[in-house]
Amino acid sequence: MGRPAVNNHIRALRKQRGWTQSDLAEQLDVSRQTINAIETGKYDPSLPLAFRISLLFAARIEDIFLFQESAGQ
């Protein structure tokens, strides 16, 4: 069984607002590298961080993050 994938719309939401990764990182009190890793799917944010992202973008978590089960499940 493969690992479930969690994709997201953070890059698009960030760019709509004209924010850099550094801008977003500062607002969320995380590193720019963390934002990059989340945007590229290399890191899944903790639940508290996902809620902070949701609040910042005024969007529901499920509208930002997309859970996809791996094939064969």
C-alpha atoms as a PDB file:
ATOM      1  CA  MET A   1       0.000   0.000   0.000  1.00  0.00           C
ATOM      2  CA  GLY A   2       1.224   3.451  -0.870  1.00  0.00           C
ATOM      3  CA  ARG A   3       1.119   6.515   1.297  1.00  0.00           C
ATOM      4  CA  PRO A   4      -2.008   8.679   0.902  1.00  0.00           C
ATOM      5  CA  ALA A   5      -1.313  11.976  -0.828  1.00  0.00           C
ATOM      6  CA  VAL A   6      -2.327  15.357   0.529  1.00  0.00           C
ATOM      7  CA  ASN A   7      -2.239  17.983  -2.193  1.00  0.00           C
ATOM      8  CA  ASN A   8      -3.025  21.635  -1.639  1.00  0.00           C
ATOM      9  CA  HIS A   9      -3.858  24.974  -3.254  1.00  0.00           C
ATOM     10  CA  ILE A  10      -1.549  27.053  -1.075  1.00  0.00           C
ATOM     11  CA  ARG A  11       0.699  28.279  -3.895  1.00  0.00           C
ATOM     12  CA  ALA A  12      -2.296  29.531  -5.914  1.00  0.00           C
ATOM     13  CA  LEU A  13      -3.906  31.178  -2.877  1.00  0.00           C
ATOM     14  CA  ARG A  14      -0.614  32.816  -1.924  1.00  0.00           C
ATOM     15  CA  LYS A  15      -0.015  34.131  -5.454  1.00  0.00           C
ATOM     16  CA  GLN A  16      -3.591  35.504  -5.667  1.00  0.00           C
ATOM     17  CA  ARG A  17      -2.684  37.716  -2.737  1.00  0.00           C
ATOM     18  CA  GLY A  18       0.701  38.713  -4.153  1.00  0.00           C
ATOM     19  CA  TRP A  19       2.563  37.106  -1.260  1.00  0.00           C
ATOM     20  CA  THR A  20       5.980  35.499  -1.460  1.00  0.00           C
ATOM     21  CA  GLN A  21       6.744  32.292   0.394  1.00  0.00           C
ATOM     22  CA  SER A  22       8.595  34.445   2.915  1.00  0.00           C
ATOM     23  CA  ASP A  23       5.539  36.684   3.401  1.00  0.00           C
ATOM     24  CA  LEU A  24       3.330  33.682   4.093  1.00  0.00           C
ATOM     25  CA  ALA A  25       5.917  32.062   6.349  1.00  0.00           C
ATOM     26  CA  GLU A  26       6.185  35.224   8.439  1.00  0.00           C
ATOM     27  CA  GLN A  27       2.406  35.435   8.878  1.00  0.00           C
ATOM     28  CA  LEU A  28       2.268  31.782   9.966  1.00  0.00           C
ATOM     29  CA  ASP A  29       5.430  31.948  12.105  1.00  0.00           C
ATOM     30  CA  VAL A  30       7.162  29.155  10.170  1.00  0.00           C
ATOM     31  CA  SER A  31      10.204  29.079   7.909  1.00  0.00           C
ATOM     32  CA  ARG A  32      10.109  29.784   4.177  1.00  0.00           C
ATOM     33  CA  GLN A  33      11.457  26.262   3.711  1.00  0.00           C
ATOM     34  CA  THR A  34       8.372  24.885   5.484  1.00  0.00           C
ATOM     35  CA  ILE A  35       6.088  26.753   3.079  1.00  0.00           C
ATOM     36  CA  ASN A  36       8.085  25.460   0.125  1.00  0.00           C
ATOM     37  CA  ALA A  37       7.901  21.886   1.407  1.00  0.00           C
ATOM     38  CA  ILE A  38       4.132  22.131   1.949  1.00  0.00           C
ATOM     39  CA  GLU A  39       3.557  23.651  -1.494  1.00  0.00           C
ATOM     40  CA  THR A  40       5.601  20.957  -3.221  1.00  0.00           C
ATOM     41  CA  GLY A  41       3.977  18.119  -1.277  1.00  0.00           C
ATOM     42  CA  LYS A  42       7.163  17.094   0.524  1.00  0.00           C
ATOM     43  CA  TYR A  43       5.676  17.908   3.929  1.00  0.00           C
ATOM     44  CA  ASP A  44       2.148  17.660   5.310  1.00  0.00           C
ATOM     45  CA  PRO A  45       1.418  20.403   7.845  1.00  0.00           C
ATOM     46  CA  SER A  46       0.357  19.589  11.368  1.00  0.00           C
ATOM     47  CA  LEU A  47      -3.332  19.988  12.119  1.00  0.00           C
ATOM     48  CA  PRO A  48      -2.788  23.237  14.080  1.00  0.00           C
ATOM     49  CA  LEU A  49      -0.777  24.673  11.170  1.00  0.00           C
ATOM     50  CA  ALA A  50      -3.442  23.577   8.680  1.00  0.00           C
ATOM     51  CA  PHE A  51      -6.044  25.424  10.776  1.00  0.00           C
ATOM     52  CA  ARG A  52      -3.858  28.564  10.880  1.00  0.00           C
ATOM     53  CA  ILE A  53      -3.459  28.399   7.085  1.00  0.00           C
ATOM     54  CA  SER A  54      -7.223  27.986   6.732  1.00  0.00           C
ATOM     55  CA  LEU A  55      -7.932  30.990   8.943  1.00  0.00           C
ATOM     56  CA  LEU A  56      -5.366  33.151   7.166  1.00  0.00           C
ATOM     57  CA  PHE A  57      -6.883  32.423   3.747  1.00  0.00           C
ATOM     58  CA  ALA A  58     -10.467  32.550   5.119  1.00  0.00           C
ATOM     59  CA  ALA A  59     -11.166  29.173   3.528  1.00  0.00           C
ATOM     60  CA  ARG A  60     -12.222  25.770   4.791  1.00  0.00           C
ATOM     61  CA  ILE A  61      -9.424  23.252   5.323  1.00  0.00           C
ATOM     62  CA  GLU A  62     -11.026  20.883   2.820  1.00  0.00           C
ATOM     63  CA  ASP A  63     -10.988  23.675   0.204  1.00  0.00           C
ATOM     64  CA  ILE A  64      -7.229  24.120   0.661  1.00  0.00           C
ATOM     65  CA  PHE A  65      -6.068  20.557   1.250  1.00  0.00           C
ATOM     66  CA  LEU A  66      -7.081  17.621  -0.950  1.00  0.00           C
ATOM     67  CA  PHE A  67      -6.751  14.122   0.471  1.00  0.00           C
ATOM     68  CA  GLN A  68      -6.214  11.404  -2.129  1.00  0.00           C
ATOM     69  CA  GLU A  69      -5.929   7.770  -1.179  1.00  0.00           C
ATOM     70  CA  SER A  70      -3.225   5.885  -3.023  1.00  0.00           C
ATOM     71  CA  ALA A  71      -4.193   3.524  -5.829  1.00  0.00           C
ATOM     72  CA  GLY A  72      -5.188   0.029  -4.775  1.00  0.00           C
ATOM     73  CA  GLN A  73      -6.961   1.010  -1.558  1.00  0.00           C
END
